[in-house]
Structure formats: structure tokens, C-alpha cells
Amino acid sequence: MAKHTLSRGKAAFLDYYTRLFPTLDIDTYLSISNPPVLLVSPIHESEIKKQFLLNKYSWIPLSWFPHRHHFGRLCCSWW
């Protein structure tokens, strides 16, 4: 019987995504602190945005999210 050669866990994740994105240092990216990002349903977007602004949190839509008009909108950091 052949020995199982597939990696597991974090090693498997890094191996898979490093092949897909060879120019991106995924391990470093995952180990740094990144600002939180929320996926907000368009149904609740206006109320959530209003609450963010009332509490003096920033509301910054991320234009690069591919299908934001269909699935919601990403907005970033409330720091």
C-alpha cells in the first residue's frame, strides 16, 4: 500500500494556495493583524451603516469585492 503523501492542516492550506497565488506570501499575510471586514446584506445595509456612523465607526465600502451588488457589500474596519 502506498504511503499517504498529502499534507494536512496549515501545511496543506499553504501548499494549495501558494500554488494558486505564487506571488502572494500567504503565510506572512495570515500571521499579521488585518482590519476586520464585514459582509453586509443589502437588505440591512442602510440600518447597519446608520449604526456605524452613530457610533463614530468608519464605513468604507470595498470596491474590489467581486459581486457586492448581488451578495451584499463588504465594509471595513470599525477601529
C-alpha atoms as a PDB file:
ATOM      1  CA  MET A   1       0.000   0.000   0.000  1.00  0.00           C
ATOM      2  CA  ALA A   2       1.314   3.474  -0.935  1.00  0.00           C
ATOM      3  CA  LYS A   3       2.264   5.927   1.775  1.00  0.00           C
ATOM      4  CA  HIS A   4      -0.071   8.911   2.156  1.00  0.00           C
ATOM      5  CA  THR A   5       1.908  11.939   0.916  1.00  0.00           C
ATOM      6  CA  LEU A   6      -0.690  14.700   1.171  1.00  0.00           C
ATOM      7  CA  SER A   7      -0.001  17.389   3.727  1.00  0.00           C
ATOM      8  CA  ARG A   8      -2.612  18.269   6.322  1.00  0.00           C
ATOM      9  CA  GLY A   9      -3.882  21.305   8.168  1.00  0.00           C
ATOM     10  CA  LYS A  10      -1.973  24.551   7.793  1.00  0.00           C
ATOM     11  CA  ALA A  11       0.685  22.935   5.583  1.00  0.00           C
ATOM     12  CA  ALA A  12      -1.997  21.698   3.154  1.00  0.00           C
ATOM     13  CA  PHE A  13      -3.683  25.104   3.114  1.00  0.00           C
ATOM     14  CA  LEU A  14      -0.411  26.925   2.400  1.00  0.00           C
ATOM     15  CA  ASP A  15       0.610  24.393  -0.235  1.00  0.00           C
ATOM     16  CA  TYR A  16      -2.712  24.693  -2.086  1.00  0.00           C
ATOM     17  CA  TYR A  17      -2.998  28.487  -2.042  1.00  0.00           C
ATOM     18  CA  THR A  18       0.690  29.112  -2.716  1.00  0.00           C
ATOM     19  CA  ARG A  19       0.245  27.190  -5.970  1.00  0.00           C
ATOM     20  CA  LEU A  20      -2.781  29.312  -6.877  1.00  0.00           C
ATOM     21  CA  PHE A  21      -1.141  32.633  -5.911  1.00  0.00           C
ATOM     22  CA  PRO A  22       2.625  32.173  -6.248  1.00  0.00           C
ATOM     23  CA  THR A  23       3.435  35.895  -5.870  1.00  0.00           C
ATOM     24  CA  LEU A  24       1.476  36.305  -2.623  1.00  0.00           C
ATOM     25  CA  ASP A  25       3.196  35.492   0.683  1.00  0.00           C
ATOM     26  CA  ILE A  26       0.147  33.865   2.243  1.00  0.00           C
ATOM     27  CA  ASP A  27       1.865  32.666   5.408  1.00  0.00           C
ATOM     28  CA  THR A  28       3.015  36.207   6.263  1.00  0.00           C
ATOM     29  CA  TYR A  29      -0.389  37.678   5.362  1.00  0.00           C
ATOM     30  CA  LEU A  30      -2.159  35.252   7.698  1.00  0.00           C
ATOM     31  CA  SER A  31       0.202  35.980  10.571  1.00  0.00           C
ATOM     32  CA  ILE A  32      -0.219  39.789  10.608  1.00  0.00           C
ATOM     33  CA  SER A  33      -3.126  41.703  12.077  1.00  0.00           C
ATOM     34  CA  ASN A  34      -5.550  42.765   9.353  1.00  0.00           C
ATOM     35  CA  PRO A  35      -8.513  45.093   9.812  1.00  0.00           C
ATOM     36  CA  PRO A  36     -11.832  43.258  10.181  1.00  0.00           C
ATOM     37  CA  VAL A  37     -14.119  43.127   7.154  1.00  0.00           C
ATOM     38  CA  LEU A  38     -17.879  42.501   7.215  1.00  0.00           C
ATOM     39  CA  LEU A  39     -20.173  41.144   4.514  1.00  0.00           C
ATOM     40  CA  VAL A  40     -23.400  43.098   4.865  1.00  0.00           C
ATOM     41  CA  SER A  41     -26.691  42.119   3.279  1.00  0.00           C
ATOM     42  CA  PRO A  42     -28.141  44.867   1.042  1.00  0.00           C
ATOM     43  CA  ILE A  43     -31.419  44.417   2.936  1.00  0.00           C
ATOM     44  CA  HIS A  44     -29.820  45.655   6.181  1.00  0.00           C
ATOM     45  CA  GLU A  45     -27.080  47.874   4.772  1.00  0.00           C
ATOM     46  CA  SER A  46     -28.722  51.244   5.432  1.00  0.00           C
ATOM     47  CA  GLU A  47     -29.522  50.414   9.077  1.00  0.00           C
ATOM     48  CA  ILE A  48     -26.068  48.968   9.770  1.00  0.00           C
ATOM     49  CA  LYS A  49     -24.394  51.938   8.095  1.00  0.00           C
ATOM     50  CA  LYS A  50     -26.519  54.290  10.217  1.00  0.00           C
ATOM     51  CA  GLN A  51     -25.471  52.460  13.402  1.00  0.00           C
ATOM     52  CA  PHE A  52     -21.815  52.574  12.388  1.00  0.00           C
ATOM     53  CA  LEU A  53     -21.960  56.318  11.831  1.00  0.00           C
ATOM     54  CA  LEU A  54     -23.909  56.962  15.063  1.00  0.00           C
ATOM     55  CA  ASN A  55     -21.168  55.148  16.984  1.00  0.00           C
ATOM     56  CA  LYS A  56     -18.429  57.027  15.103  1.00  0.00           C
ATOM     57  CA  TYR A  57     -17.140  53.920  13.310  1.00  0.00           C
ATOM     58  CA  SER A  58     -15.824  54.297   9.799  1.00  0.00           C
ATOM     59  CA  TRP A  59     -17.902  52.878   6.940  1.00  0.00           C
ATOM     60  CA  ILE A  60     -15.684  52.170   3.949  1.00  0.00           C
ATOM     61  CA  PRO A  61     -17.138  50.072   1.096  1.00  0.00           C
ATOM     62  CA  LEU A  62     -14.548  47.931  -0.648  1.00  0.00           C
ATOM     63  CA  SER A  63     -14.993  48.345  -4.377  1.00  0.00           C
ATOM     64  CA  TRP A  64     -12.875  45.311  -5.225  1.00  0.00           C
ATOM     65  CA  PHE A  65     -15.359  42.797  -3.799  1.00  0.00           C
ATOM     66  CA  PRO A  66     -16.436  40.986  -6.985  1.00  0.00           C
ATOM     67  CA  HIS A  67     -20.212  40.610  -6.645  1.00  0.00           C
ATOM     68  CA  ARG A  68     -21.073  43.124  -3.971  1.00  0.00           C
ATOM     69  CA  HIS A  69     -24.263  44.246  -5.726  1.00  0.00           C
ATOM     70  CA  HIS A  70     -25.618  40.695  -5.730  1.00  0.00           C
ATOM     71  CA  PHE A  71     -24.479  39.306  -2.389  1.00  0.00           C
ATOM     72  CA  GLY A  72     -24.023  42.297  -0.146  1.00  0.00           C
ATOM     73  CA  ARG A  73     -21.246  44.749   0.401  1.00  0.00           C
ATOM     74  CA  LEU A  74     -18.031  44.469   2.252  1.00  0.00           C
ATOM     75  CA  CYS A  75     -17.151  47.291   4.515  1.00  0.00           C
ATOM     76  CA  CYS A  76     -14.098  47.580   6.612  1.00  0.00           C
ATOM     77  CA  SER A  77     -12.716  48.457   9.915  1.00  0.00           C
ATOM     78  CA  TRP A  78     -14.534  49.806  12.883  1.00  0.00           C
ATOM     79  CA  TRP A  79     -11.290  50.542  14.711  1.00  0.00           C
END
